[in-house]
Each structure stands twice: as structure tokens, then as C-alpha cells.
């Protein structure tokens, strides 16, 4: 688990150092106490509803930008 924490912290640092956003990164890496699964209708929403306006106008461009920026770190 420590290895995953280290990787997550390194990625957060890289994103901060890249200054992609004007606002600070506020993500915390810490052990969870309790995990709540999302309801079924929330799971994989973007994948299941790519035709939805919000998915096309907001999510798709963000996903494309993320993939382009971090493609070297993504699994094939």
C-alpha cells in the first residue's frame, strides 16, 4: 500500500509542478475508513452515456486533455 501512496503523491506533485490549473490541488492521500459504493446508475456514466450533452461538452474534452497530457503514464 505504501508504494501506491508514493505513486499517488508523485503524480500530485507532477501535476502541481506543471501548473495546469490556477487553483491549488486539494487532493489528499490518506487511508480510508469506510468506502461507499456508488449506486449502479452512477457507475461508468460517461462510458454508458457519451451522447449526453454534459458528457460531450464537459467531460469528453477534459478526458481528451488528460489523456494527451499524461499518455506516457497511461496503460494501453
PDB file of N, CA and C in Angstrom:
ATOM      1  N   UNK A   1       0.827  -1.194   0.000  1.00  0.00           N
ATOM      2  CA  UNK A   1       0.000   0.000   0.000  1.00  0.00           C
ATOM      3  C   UNK A   1       0.869   1.255   0.000  1.00  0.00           C
ATOM      4  N   UNK A   2       2.009   1.206   0.669  1.00  0.00           N
ATOM      5  CA  UNK A   2       2.896   2.375   0.702  1.00  0.00           C
ATOM      6  C   UNK A   2       3.342   2.777  -0.701  1.00  0.00           C
ATOM      7  N   UNK A   3       3.574   1.779  -1.552  1.00  0.00           N
ATOM      8  CA  UNK A   3       4.017   2.052  -2.914  1.00  0.00           C
ATOM      9  C   UNK A   3       2.952   2.861  -3.665  1.00  0.00           C
ATOM     10  N   UNK A   4       1.687   2.488  -3.513  1.00  0.00           N
ATOM     11  CA  UNK A   4       0.600   3.215  -4.178  1.00  0.00           C
ATOM     12  C   UNK A   4       0.507   4.645  -3.663  1.00  0.00           C
ATOM     13  N   UNK A   5       0.692   4.822  -2.368  1.00  0.00           N
ATOM     14  CA  UNK A   5       0.656   6.159  -1.793  1.00  0.00           C
ATOM     15  C   UNK A   5       1.782   7.002  -2.373  1.00  0.00           C
ATOM     16  N   UNK A   6       2.961   6.425  -2.482  1.00  0.00           N
ATOM     17  CA  UNK A   6       4.112   7.124  -3.043  1.00  0.00           C
ATOM     18  C   UNK A   6       3.827   7.551  -4.489  1.00  0.00           C
ATOM     19  N   UNK A   7       3.290   6.623  -5.280  1.00  0.00           N
ATOM     20  CA  UNK A   7       2.968   6.946  -6.679  1.00  0.00           C
ATOM     21  C   UNK A   7       1.938   8.061  -6.746  1.00  0.00           C
ATOM     22  N   UNK A   8       0.887   7.965  -5.948  1.00  0.00           N
ATOM     23  CA  UNK A   8      -0.152   8.997  -5.952  1.00  0.00           C
ATOM     24  C   UNK A   8       0.430  10.353  -5.579  1.00  0.00           C
ATOM     25  N   UNK A   9       1.267  10.386  -4.571  1.00  0.00           N
ATOM     26  CA  UNK A   9       1.876  11.648  -4.145  1.00  0.00           C
ATOM     27  C   UNK A   9       2.808  12.211  -5.221  1.00  0.00           C
ATOM     28  N   UNK A  10       3.518  11.337  -5.926  1.00  0.00           N
ATOM     29  CA  UNK A  10       4.394  11.793  -7.003  1.00  0.00           C
ATOM     30  C   UNK A  10       3.592  12.391  -8.156  1.00  0.00           C
ATOM     31  N   UNK A  11       2.472  11.751  -8.508  1.00  0.00           N
ATOM     32  CA  UNK A  11       1.624  12.270  -9.590  1.00  0.00           C
ATOM     33  C   UNK A  11       1.034  13.617  -9.197  1.00  0.00           C
ATOM     34  N   UNK A  12       0.583  13.747  -7.981  1.00  0.00           N
ATOM     35  CA  UNK A  12       0.052  15.029  -7.499  1.00  0.00           C
ATOM     36  C   UNK A  12       1.134  16.098  -7.579  1.00  0.00           C
ATOM     37  N   UNK A  13       2.345  15.751  -7.192  1.00  0.00           N
ATOM     38  CA  UNK A  13       3.455  16.707  -7.266  1.00  0.00           C
ATOM     39  C   UNK A  13       3.728  17.112  -8.714  1.00  0.00           C
ATOM     40  N   UNK A  14       3.731  16.132  -9.624  1.00  0.00           N
ATOM     41  CA  UNK A  14       3.956  16.446 -11.039  1.00  0.00           C
ATOM     42  C   UNK A  14       2.875  17.388 -11.573  1.00  0.00           C
ATOM     43  N   UNK A  15       1.636  17.133 -11.194  1.00  0.00           N
ATOM     44  CA  UNK A  15       0.542  17.986 -11.649  1.00  0.00           C
ATOM     45  C   UNK A  15       0.696  19.390 -11.073  1.00  0.00           C
ATOM     46  N   UNK A  16       1.032  19.474  -9.790  1.00  0.00           N
ATOM     47  CA  UNK A  16       1.262  20.787  -9.178  1.00  0.00           C
ATOM     48  C   UNK A  16       2.399  21.524  -9.874  1.00  0.00           C
ATOM     49  N   UNK A  17       3.515  20.813 -10.100  1.00  0.00           N
ATOM     50  CA  UNK A  17       4.687  21.419 -10.731  1.00  0.00           C
ATOM     51  C   UNK A  17       4.401  21.865 -12.162  1.00  0.00           C
ATOM     52  N   UNK A  18       3.498  21.158 -12.847  1.00  0.00           N
ATOM     53  CA  UNK A  18       3.155  21.505 -14.231  1.00  0.00           C
ATOM     54  C   UNK A  18       2.275  22.756 -14.300  1.00  0.00           C
ATOM     55  N   UNK A  19       1.710  23.137 -13.151  1.00  0.00           N
ATOM     56  CA  UNK A  19       0.854  24.333 -13.075  1.00  0.00           C
ATOM     57  C   UNK A  19      -0.239  24.336 -14.140  1.00  0.00           C
ATOM     58  N   UNK A  20      -0.934  23.217 -14.227  1.00  0.00           N
ATOM     59  CA  UNK A  20      -2.010  23.058 -15.202  1.00  0.00           C
ATOM     60  C   UNK A  20      -3.194  23.948 -14.847  1.00  0.00           C
ATOM     61  N   UNK A  21      -3.495  24.027 -13.569  1.00  0.00           N
ATOM     62  CA  UNK A  21      -4.638  24.816 -13.112  1.00  0.00           C
ATOM     63  C   UNK A  21      -4.165  25.977 -12.250  1.00  0.00           C
ATOM     64  N   UNK A  22      -4.953  27.037 -12.252  1.00  0.00           N
ATOM     65  CA  UNK A  22      -4.641  28.200 -11.416  1.00  0.00           C
ATOM     66  C   UNK A  22      -4.888  27.897  -9.940  1.00  0.00           C
ATOM     67  N   UNK A  23      -5.909  27.107  -9.669  1.00  0.00           N
ATOM     68  CA  UNK A  23      -6.261  26.770  -8.284  1.00  0.00           C
ATOM     69  C   UNK A  23      -5.345  25.658  -7.775  1.00  0.00           C
ATOM     70  N   UNK A  24      -5.101  25.621  -6.485  1.00  0.00           N
ATOM     71  CA  UNK A  24      -4.228  24.569  -5.937  1.00  0.00           C
ATOM     72  C   UNK A  24      -4.895  23.191  -5.979  1.00  0.00           C
ATOM     73  N   UNK A  25      -4.081  22.147  -6.025  1.00  0.00           N
ATOM     74  CA  UNK A  25      -4.568  20.773  -5.928  1.00  0.00           C
ATOM     75  C   UNK A  25      -4.913  20.537  -4.460  1.00  0.00           C
ATOM     76  N   UNK A  26      -6.098  20.055  -4.193  1.00  0.00           N
ATOM     77  CA  UNK A  26      -6.524  19.853  -2.807  1.00  0.00           C
ATOM     78  C   UNK A  26      -6.713  18.373  -2.472  1.00  0.00           C
ATOM     79  N   UNK A  27      -6.332  17.504  -3.380  1.00  0.00           N
ATOM     80  CA  UNK A  27      -6.467  16.071  -3.159  1.00  0.00           C
ATOM     81  C   UNK A  27      -5.566  15.629  -2.014  1.00  0.00           C
ATOM     82  N   UNK A  28      -6.114  14.822  -1.127  1.00  0.00           N
ATOM     83  CA  UNK A  28      -5.347  14.256  -0.026  1.00  0.00           C
ATOM     84  C   UNK A  28      -5.188  12.761  -0.262  1.00  0.00           C
ATOM     85  N   UNK A  29      -4.051  12.226   0.092  1.00  0.00           N
ATOM     86  CA  UNK A  29      -3.814  10.786   0.017  1.00  0.00           C
ATOM     87  C   UNK A  29      -3.728  10.287   1.448  1.00  0.00           C
ATOM     88  N   UNK A  30      -4.762   9.566   1.852  1.00  0.00           N
ATOM     89  CA  UNK A  30      -4.783   9.030   3.205  1.00  0.00           C
ATOM     90  C   UNK A  30      -5.638   7.780   3.236  1.00  0.00           C
ATOM     91  N   UNK A  31      -5.446   6.939   4.212  1.00  0.00           N
ATOM     92  CA  UNK A  31      -6.246   5.707   4.288  1.00  0.00           C
ATOM     93  C   UNK A  31      -7.725   6.032   4.470  1.00  0.00           C
ATOM     94  N   UNK A  32      -8.545   5.239   3.833  1.00  0.00           N
ATOM     95  CA  UNK A  32      -9.977   5.452   4.018  1.00  0.00           C
ATOM     96  C   UNK A  32     -10.466   4.654   5.213  1.00  0.00           C
ATOM     97  N   UNK A  33     -11.501   5.153   5.816  1.00  0.00           N
ATOM     98  CA  UNK A  33     -12.082   4.462   6.961  1.00  0.00           C
ATOM     99  C   UNK A  33     -13.255   3.608   6.511  1.00  0.00           C
ATOM    100  N   UNK A  34     -14.087   4.184   5.663  1.00  0.00           N
ATOM    101  CA  UNK A  34     -15.229   3.445   5.145  1.00  0.00           C
ATOM    102  C   UNK A  34     -15.446   3.851   3.705  1.00  0.00           C
ATOM    103  N   UNK A  35     -15.718   2.892   2.843  1.00  0.00           N
ATOM    104  CA  UNK A  35     -15.931   3.152   1.429  1.00  0.00           C
ATOM    105  C   UNK A  35     -17.380   2.868   1.089  1.00  0.00           C
ATOM    106  N   UNK A  36     -17.994   3.784   0.375  1.00  0.00           N
ATOM    107  CA  UNK A  36     -19.379   3.613  -0.051  1.00  0.00           C
ATOM    108  C   UNK A  36     -19.408   3.473  -1.568  1.00  0.00           C
ATOM    109  N   UNK A  37     -19.919   2.367  -2.051  1.00  0.00           N
ATOM    110  CA  UNK A  37     -20.060   2.183  -3.491  1.00  0.00           C
ATOM    111  C   UNK A  37     -21.134   3.117  -4.023  1.00  0.00           C
ATOM    112  N   UNK A  38     -20.906   3.624  -5.223  1.00  0.00           N
ATOM    113  CA  UNK A  38     -21.909   4.457  -5.875  1.00  0.00           C
ATOM    114  C   UNK A  38     -23.077   3.580  -6.316  1.00  0.00           C
ATOM    115  N   UNK A  39     -24.227   4.200  -6.450  1.00  0.00           N
ATOM    116  CA  UNK A  39     -25.378   3.469  -6.961  1.00  0.00           C
ATOM    117  C   UNK A  39     -25.080   3.049  -8.397  1.00  0.00           C
ATOM    118  N   UNK A  40     -25.729   1.979  -8.847  1.00  0.00           N
ATOM    119  CA  UNK A  40     -25.466   1.442 -10.183  1.00  0.00           C
ATOM    120  C   UNK A  40     -25.615   2.498 -11.273  1.00  0.00           C
ATOM    121  N   UNK A  41     -26.615   3.362 -11.171  1.00  0.00           N
ATOM    122  CA  UNK A  41     -26.848   4.330 -12.244  1.00  0.00           C
ATOM    123  C   UNK A  41     -25.759   5.401 -12.320  1.00  0.00           C
ATOM    124  N   UNK A  42     -24.904   5.514 -11.315  1.00  0.00           N
ATOM    125  CA  UNK A  42     -23.786   6.454 -11.352  1.00  0.00           C
ATOM    126  C   UNK A  42     -22.517   5.826 -11.931  1.00  0.00           C
ATOM    127  N   UNK A  43     -22.426   4.532 -11.884  1.00  0.00           N
ATOM    128  CA  UNK A  43     -21.197   3.844 -12.296  1.00  0.00           C
ATOM    129  C   UNK A  43     -21.018   3.898 -13.809  1.00  0.00           C
ATOM    130  N   UNK A  44     -19.810   4.226 -14.222  1.00  0.00           N
ATOM    131  CA  UNK A  44     -19.456   4.262 -15.650  1.00  0.00           C
ATOM    132  C   UNK A  44     -20.394   5.147 -16.464  1.00  0.00           C
ATOM    133  N   UNK A  45     -20.871   6.228 -15.866  1.00  0.00           N
ATOM    134  CA  UNK A  45     -21.858   7.089 -16.532  1.00  0.00           C
ATOM    135  C   UNK A  45     -21.336   7.629 -17.854  1.00  0.00           C
ATOM    136  N   UNK A  46     -20.132   8.152 -17.867  1.00  0.00           N
ATOM    137  CA  UNK A  46     -19.563   8.718 -19.092  1.00  0.00           C
ATOM    138  C   UNK A  46     -19.451   7.660 -20.179  1.00  0.00           C
ATOM    139  N   UNK A  47     -19.008   6.489 -19.787  1.00  0.00           N
ATOM    140  CA  UNK A  47     -18.860   5.391 -20.745  1.00  0.00           C
ATOM    141  C   UNK A  47     -20.216   4.938 -21.295  1.00  0.00           C
ATOM    142  N   UNK A  48     -21.225   4.919 -20.462  1.00  0.00           N
ATOM    143  CA  UNK A  48     -22.547   4.439 -20.870  1.00  0.00           C
ATOM    144  C   UNK A  48     -23.403   5.506 -21.549  1.00  0.00           C
ATOM    145  N   UNK A  49     -23.087   6.790 -21.348  1.00  0.00           N
ATOM    146  CA  UNK A  49     -23.909   7.873 -21.888  1.00  0.00           C
ATOM    147  C   UNK A  49     -23.076   8.939 -22.604  1.00  0.00           C
ATOM    148  N   UNK A  50     -22.236   8.540 -23.544  1.00  0.00           N
ATOM    149  CA  UNK A  50     -21.381   9.536 -24.199  1.00  0.00           C
ATOM    150  C   UNK A  50     -22.165  10.563 -25.017  1.00  0.00           C
ATOM    151  N   UNK A  51     -23.410  10.243 -25.351  1.00  0.00           N
ATOM    152  CA  UNK A  51     -24.230  11.153 -26.160  1.00  0.00           C
ATOM    153  C   UNK A  51     -24.851  12.288 -25.331  1.00  0.00           C
ATOM    154  N   UNK A  52     -24.836  12.170 -24.026  1.00  0.00           N
ATOM    155  CA  UNK A  52     -25.416  13.203 -23.164  1.00  0.00           C
ATOM    156  C   UNK A  52     -24.659  14.521 -23.341  1.00  0.00           C
ATOM    157  N   UNK A  53     -25.376  15.614 -23.338  1.00  0.00           N
ATOM    158  CA  UNK A  53     -24.788  16.930 -23.543  1.00  0.00           C
ATOM    159  C   UNK A  53     -23.651  17.241 -22.587  1.00  0.00           C
ATOM    160  N   UNK A  54     -23.862  16.954 -21.309  1.00  0.00           N
ATOM    161  CA  UNK A  54     -22.822  17.230 -20.311  1.00  0.00           C
ATOM    162  C   UNK A  54     -21.565  16.408 -20.605  1.00  0.00           C
ATOM    163  N   UNK A  55     -21.766  15.157 -20.988  1.00  0.00           N
ATOM    164  CA  UNK A  55     -20.621  14.295 -21.298  1.00  0.00           C
ATOM    165  C   UNK A  55     -19.854  14.833 -22.500  1.00  0.00           C
ATOM    166  N   UNK A  56     -20.575  15.277 -23.519  1.00  0.00           N
ATOM    167  CA  UNK A  56     -19.928  15.783 -24.733  1.00  0.00           C
ATOM    168  C   UNK A  56     -19.259  17.132 -24.506  1.00  0.00           C
ATOM    169  N   UNK A  57     -19.946  18.021 -23.793  1.00  0.00           N
ATOM    170  CA  UNK A  57     -19.457  19.391 -23.649  1.00  0.00           C
ATOM    171  C   UNK A  57     -18.429  19.568 -22.533  1.00  0.00           C
ATOM    172  N   UNK A  58     -18.524  18.774 -21.481  1.00  0.00           N
ATOM    173  CA  UNK A  58     -17.671  18.987 -20.316  1.00  0.00           C
ATOM    174  C   UNK A  58     -16.689  17.837 -20.090  1.00  0.00           C
ATOM    175  N   UNK A  59     -17.211  16.633 -20.000  1.00  0.00           N
ATOM    176  CA  UNK A  59     -16.355  15.506 -19.618  1.00  0.00           C
ATOM    177  C   UNK A  59     -15.407  15.097 -20.742  1.00  0.00           C
ATOM    178  N   UNK A  60     -15.921  14.931 -21.964  1.00  0.00           N
ATOM    179  CA  UNK A  60     -15.085  14.450 -23.075  1.00  0.00           C
ATOM    180  C   UNK A  60     -13.860  15.337 -23.307  1.00  0.00           C
ATOM    181  N   UNK A  61     -14.002  16.673 -23.354  1.00  0.00           N
ATOM    182  CA  UNK A  61     -12.803  17.497 -23.541  1.00  0.00           C
ATOM    183  C   UNK A  61     -11.795  17.358 -22.398  1.00  0.00           C
ATOM    184  N   UNK A  62     -12.283  17.210 -21.176  1.00  0.00           N
ATOM    185  CA  UNK A  62     -11.375  17.039 -20.040  1.00  0.00           C
ATOM    186  C   UNK A  62     -10.636  15.711 -20.124  1.00  0.00           C
ATOM    187  N   UNK A  63     -11.350  14.658 -20.492  1.00  0.00           N
ATOM    188  CA  UNK A  63     -10.724  13.344 -20.623  1.00  0.00           C
ATOM    189  C   UNK A  63      -9.683  13.374 -21.745  1.00  0.00           C
ATOM    190  N   UNK A  64     -10.023  14.003 -22.879  1.00  0.00           N
ATOM    191  CA  UNK A  64      -9.085  14.088 -24.001  1.00  0.00           C
ATOM    192  C   UNK A  64      -7.835  14.868 -23.604  1.00  0.00           C
ATOM    193  N   UNK A  65      -8.006  15.980 -22.910  1.00  0.00           N
ATOM    194  CA  UNK A  65      -6.868  16.790 -22.472  1.00  0.00           C
ATOM    195  C   UNK A  65      -5.987  16.000 -21.501  1.00  0.00           C
ATOM    196  N   UNK A  66      -6.619  15.301 -20.575  1.00  0.00           N
ATOM    197  CA  UNK A  66      -5.887  14.487 -19.608  1.00  0.00           C
ATOM    198  C   UNK A  66      -5.092  13.396 -20.315  1.00  0.00           C
ATOM    199  N   UNK A  67      -5.757  12.687 -21.239  1.00  0.00           N
ATOM    200  CA  UNK A  67      -5.073  11.598 -21.951  1.00  0.00           C
ATOM    201  C   UNK A  67      -3.887  12.117 -22.756  1.00  0.00           C
ATOM    202  N   UNK A  68      -4.054  13.264 -23.407  1.00  0.00           N
ATOM    203  CA  UNK A  68      -2.966  13.827 -24.195  1.00  0.00           C
ATOM    204  C   UNK A  68      -1.794  14.212 -23.297  1.00  0.00           C
ATOM    205  N   UNK A  69      -2.088  14.863 -22.188  1.00  0.00           N
ATOM    206  CA  UNK A  69      -1.059  15.342 -21.285  1.00  0.00           C
ATOM    207  C   UNK A  69      -0.299  14.198 -20.610  1.00  0.00           C
ATOM    208  N   UNK A  70      -1.013  13.152 -20.225  1.00  0.00           N
ATOM    209  CA  UNK A  70      -0.427  12.077 -19.416  1.00  0.00           C
ATOM    210  C   UNK A  70      -0.367  10.739 -20.144  1.00  0.00           C
ATOM    211  N   UNK A  71      -0.389  10.759 -21.492  1.00  0.00           N
ATOM    212  CA  UNK A  71      -0.428   9.482 -22.239  1.00  0.00           C
ATOM    213  C   UNK A  71       0.751   8.575 -21.916  1.00  0.00           C
ATOM    214  N   UNK A  72       1.897   9.129 -21.589  1.00  0.00           N
ATOM    215  CA  UNK A  72       3.057   8.289 -21.276  1.00  0.00           C
ATOM    216  C   UNK A  72       2.875   7.521 -19.971  1.00  0.00           C
ATOM    217  N   UNK A  73       1.963   7.976 -19.124  1.00  0.00           N
ATOM    218  CA  UNK A  73       1.739   7.312 -17.836  1.00  0.00           C
ATOM    219  C   UNK A  73       0.516   6.384 -17.860  1.00  0.00           C
ATOM    220  N   UNK A  74      -0.269   6.436 -18.930  1.00  0.00           N
ATOM    221  CA  UNK A  74      -1.483   5.627 -19.008  1.00  0.00           C
ATOM    222  C   UNK A  74      -1.185   4.244 -19.561  1.00  0.00           C
ATOM    223  N   UNK A  75      -1.935   3.275 -19.086  1.00  0.00           N
ATOM    224  CA  UNK A  75      -1.812   1.918 -19.620  1.00  0.00           C
ATOM    225  C   UNK A  75      -2.488   1.865 -20.979  1.00  0.00           C
ATOM    226  N   UNK A  76      -1.971   1.014 -21.853  1.00  0.00           N
ATOM    227  CA  UNK A  76      -2.557   0.858 -23.188  1.00  0.00           C
ATOM    228  C   UNK A  76      -3.850   0.083 -23.115  1.00  0.00           C
TER     229      UNK A  76
END
